[in-house]
């Protein structure tokens, strides 16, 4: 019981640190458009994180909004290309990256400016691979609001100069379970970015 309370308190501290340290780098899409227009900022890539595809290969509403937001970021001219990262380890069964790429093409992003990483199986893996394999030095990280702080934090820990843009929400409801899972995931990634397994 006591160990559980201590563990919960430690996880809360890790969450608080991650959220507070990432907060200055987070933007809504509207705010980022204003920032990009006024500052002329430039980043190497937009990193688009996957999250869910239906059995018929179409994106969940949450993923579709992430894709739309990444396309909007690209169209500001502030990034050179979009790194599409998700679970496509067995694309014949489940293909997040293929789904995201198809929708980006429909939204007018040139194929040459879409780079795919089908082994971005979690946020930590995405940022590890973005840094070590794809050699990304600066990025605009695009994901859902509750996931932004961790994504930006992880990218910073791997030396990527980044800001986060919260995906637009077309009207879906984020379930409470997402927040519970994110609380645990933040604590996990806090520890992982200290010891850096796989790096």
Protein backbone atom coordinates (compact mmCIF):
# COMPACT_ATOMS: atom_id res chain seq x y z
CA UNK A 1 0.00 0.00 0.00
CA UNK A 2 2.75 2.44 0.98
CA UNK A 3 4.85 1.47 -2.04
CA UNK A 4 1.84 2.02 -4.26
CA UNK A 5 1.30 5.50 -2.85
CA UNK A 6 4.98 6.32 -3.30
CA UNK A 7 4.87 5.04 -6.88
CA UNK A 8 1.78 7.09 -7.67
CA UNK A 9 3.37 10.20 -6.18
CA UNK A 10 6.55 9.64 -8.20
CA UNK A 11 4.52 9.18 -11.39
CA UNK A 12 2.64 12.41 -10.64
CA UNK A 13 5.93 14.30 -10.23
CA UNK A 14 7.21 12.91 -13.54
CA UNK A 15 3.99 13.94 -15.27
CA UNK A 16 4.17 17.42 -13.79
CA UNK A 17 7.78 17.89 -14.89
CA UNK A 18 7.06 16.67 -18.42
CA UNK A 19 3.99 18.85 -18.87
CA UNK A 20 5.58 22.00 -17.46
CA UNK A 21 8.83 21.66 -19.39
CA UNK A 22 6.99 21.12 -22.69
CA UNK A 23 4.31 23.77 -22.21
CA UNK A 24 6.28 26.71 -23.71
CA UNK A 25 6.70 24.78 -26.95
CA UNK A 26 3.05 23.84 -27.57
CA UNK A 27 0.73 25.58 -30.04
CA UNK A 28 -2.79 25.24 -31.34
CA UNK A 29 -2.94 25.08 -35.14
CA UNK A 30 -4.29 28.62 -35.28
CA UNK A 31 -1.53 29.95 -33.04
CA UNK A 32 1.13 28.10 -35.02
CA UNK A 33 -0.10 29.59 -38.29
CA UNK A 34 0.22 33.06 -36.78
CA UNK A 35 3.65 32.22 -35.34
CA UNK A 36 4.89 30.82 -38.66
CA UNK A 37 3.62 33.85 -40.58
CA UNK A 38 5.11 36.40 -38.20
CA UNK A 39 8.43 34.73 -37.40
CA UNK A 40 9.31 32.97 -40.64
CA UNK A 41 10.28 29.95 -38.54
CA UNK A 42 11.62 26.90 -40.32
CA UNK A 43 11.90 23.28 -39.20
CA UNK A 44 13.27 20.33 -41.07
CA UNK A 45 10.24 18.05 -40.66
CA UNK A 46 6.75 17.69 -39.34
CA UNK A 47 6.60 14.48 -37.33
CA UNK A 48 3.12 12.97 -37.61
CA UNK A 49 2.35 10.32 -34.99
CA UNK A 50 -0.11 7.52 -35.71
CA UNK A 51 -2.83 6.33 -33.34
CA UNK A 52 -5.50 4.13 -34.88
CA UNK A 53 -6.82 2.65 -38.11
CA UNK A 54 -10.07 0.78 -38.66
CA UNK A 55 -10.12 -2.75 -40.11
CA UNK A 56 -11.02 -1.36 -43.53
CA UNK A 57 -7.83 0.72 -43.52
CA UNK A 58 -9.48 4.09 -42.90
CA UNK A 59 -8.29 6.40 -40.11
CA UNK A 60 -10.10 6.85 -36.82
CA UNK A 61 -11.42 10.41 -36.31
CA UNK A 62 -8.49 11.18 -33.99
CA UNK A 63 -5.94 10.05 -36.56
CA UNK A 64 -7.74 11.82 -39.41
CA UNK A 65 -7.49 15.10 -37.49
CA UNK A 66 -3.78 14.55 -36.87
CA UNK A 67 -3.29 14.00 -40.60
CA UNK A 68 -5.28 17.12 -41.52
CA UNK A 69 -3.24 19.15 -39.06
CA UNK A 70 0.07 17.84 -40.42
CA UNK A 71 -1.02 18.84 -43.92
CA UNK A 72 -1.89 22.34 -42.66
CA UNK A 73 1.52 22.63 -40.97
CA UNK A 74 3.20 21.56 -44.22
CA UNK A 75 1.23 24.16 -46.17
CA UNK A 76 2.50 26.97 -43.92
CA UNK A 77 5.88 26.41 -45.59
CA UNK A 78 7.56 25.99 -42.21
CA UNK A 79 8.70 22.38 -42.81
CA UNK A 80 10.41 20.62 -45.71
CA UNK A 81 8.67 17.27 -45.40
CA UNK A 82 6.42 15.13 -43.20
CA UNK A 83 7.84 12.13 -41.34
CA UNK A 84 4.90 9.76 -40.97
CA UNK A 85 5.49 7.46 -38.02
CA UNK A 86 3.28 4.64 -36.80
CA UNK A 87 2.66 0.92 -36.57
CA UNK A 88 3.07 -0.73 -39.94
CA UNK A 89 5.26 -3.59 -38.75
CA UNK A 90 2.86 -6.03 -40.46
CA UNK A 91 1.15 -3.83 -43.06
CA UNK A 92 -0.89 -6.69 -44.52
CA UNK A 93 -2.71 -6.85 -41.16
CA UNK A 94 -2.49 -3.30 -39.82
CA UNK A 95 -1.05 -0.28 -41.62
CA UNK A 96 -1.11 3.10 -39.90
CA UNK A 97 1.60 4.59 -42.09
CA UNK A 98 -0.01 3.57 -45.38
CA UNK A 99 -3.30 5.05 -44.22
CA UNK A 100 -1.66 8.34 -43.19
CA UNK A 101 0.31 8.62 -46.41
CA UNK A 102 -2.79 8.04 -48.56
CA UNK A 103 -4.74 10.76 -46.79
CA UNK A 104 -1.83 13.21 -46.97
CA UNK A 105 -1.66 12.65 -50.73
CA UNK A 106 -5.42 13.32 -50.98
CA UNK A 107 -4.83 16.56 -49.06
CA UNK A 108 -2.28 17.72 -51.61
CA UNK A 109 1.04 16.89 -49.94
CA UNK A 110 3.54 15.78 -52.62
CA UNK A 111 4.65 12.16 -52.36
CA UNK A 112 8.31 13.21 -52.45
CA UNK A 113 7.74 15.17 -49.24
CA UNK A 114 6.32 12.22 -47.29
CA UNK A 115 8.81 9.95 -45.53
CA UNK A 116 7.44 6.83 -43.86
CA UNK A 117 8.57 5.03 -40.72
CA UNK A 118 6.49 1.92 -40.14
CA UNK A 119 8.35 1.00 -36.96
CA UNK A 120 7.26 3.98 -34.87
CA UNK A 121 5.45 1.58 -32.56
CA UNK A 122 5.28 4.04 -29.67
CA UNK A 123 6.13 7.68 -29.02
CA UNK A 124 9.54 6.84 -27.58
CA UNK A 125 10.42 4.69 -30.62
CA UNK A 126 9.25 7.41 -33.00
CA UNK A 127 11.56 10.03 -31.51
CA UNK A 128 14.46 7.62 -31.08
CA UNK A 129 14.22 6.62 -34.73
CA UNK A 130 13.60 10.19 -35.93
CA UNK A 131 16.87 11.21 -34.30
CA UNK A 132 19.11 8.21 -34.91
CA UNK A 133 17.84 6.76 -38.20
CA UNK A 134 16.20 9.68 -40.01
CA UNK A 135 18.66 12.23 -38.57
CA UNK A 136 15.97 14.83 -37.85
CA UNK A 137 17.45 17.89 -36.15
CA UNK A 138 14.37 20.12 -35.91
CA UNK A 139 10.67 19.37 -36.15
CA UNK A 140 7.07 20.35 -35.65
CA UNK A 141 5.48 17.46 -33.77
CA UNK A 142 1.82 16.91 -34.68
CA UNK A 143 -0.43 14.89 -32.40
CA UNK A 144 -3.55 15.08 -30.25
CA UNK A 145 -3.57 17.63 -27.42
CA UNK A 146 -3.27 15.23 -24.48
CA UNK A 147 -0.30 13.55 -26.21
CA UNK A 148 1.60 16.70 -27.21
CA UNK A 149 3.62 17.28 -24.03
CA UNK A 150 5.10 13.78 -23.99
CA UNK A 151 5.85 13.80 -27.71
CA UNK A 152 7.71 17.10 -27.53
CA UNK A 153 9.49 16.08 -24.33
CA UNK A 154 10.71 12.83 -25.90
CA UNK A 155 11.91 14.65 -29.01
CA UNK A 156 13.87 17.15 -26.91
CA UNK A 157 15.52 14.32 -24.99
CA UNK A 158 16.81 12.98 -28.29
CA UNK A 159 18.24 16.35 -29.28
CA UNK A 160 15.52 17.37 -31.73
CA UNK A 161 14.73 21.09 -31.61
CA UNK A 162 10.96 20.95 -31.73
CA UNK A 163 7.62 22.53 -31.06
CA UNK A 164 4.31 20.72 -30.81
CA UNK A 165 1.09 21.50 -32.64
CA UNK A 166 -2.12 20.14 -31.14
CA UNK A 167 -4.26 18.46 -33.76
CA UNK A 168 -7.58 20.06 -34.59
CA UNK A 169 -10.64 18.28 -33.19
CA UNK A 170 -13.48 17.80 -35.65
CA UNK A 171 -15.92 16.87 -32.90
CA UNK A 172 -14.96 13.48 -31.45
CA UNK A 173 -14.88 13.00 -27.68
CA UNK A 174 -11.60 11.96 -26.06
CA UNK A 175 -12.33 9.17 -23.61
CA UNK A 176 -11.18 9.35 -20.00
CA UNK A 177 -9.23 6.16 -20.59
CA UNK A 178 -6.90 8.07 -22.92
CA UNK A 179 -5.90 10.36 -20.07
CA UNK A 180 -5.29 7.44 -17.68
CA UNK A 181 -3.08 5.72 -20.24
CA UNK A 182 -1.22 8.94 -20.95
CA UNK A 183 -0.50 9.43 -17.24
CA UNK A 184 1.22 6.03 -17.15
CA UNK A 185 2.95 6.57 -20.50
CA UNK A 186 4.43 9.88 -19.37
CA UNK A 187 6.03 8.21 -16.36
CA UNK A 188 7.33 5.39 -18.54
CA UNK A 189 8.83 7.75 -21.11
CA UNK A 190 10.33 9.95 -18.41
CA UNK A 191 12.32 6.92 -17.24
CA UNK A 192 13.04 5.65 -20.74
CA UNK A 193 14.47 9.00 -21.87
CA UNK A 194 16.83 8.85 -18.89
CA UNK A 195 18.23 5.37 -19.62
CA UNK A 196 17.51 5.41 -23.40
CA UNK A 197 17.06 1.73 -24.21
CA UNK A 198 17.78 1.01 -27.86
CA UNK A 199 19.75 4.21 -28.39
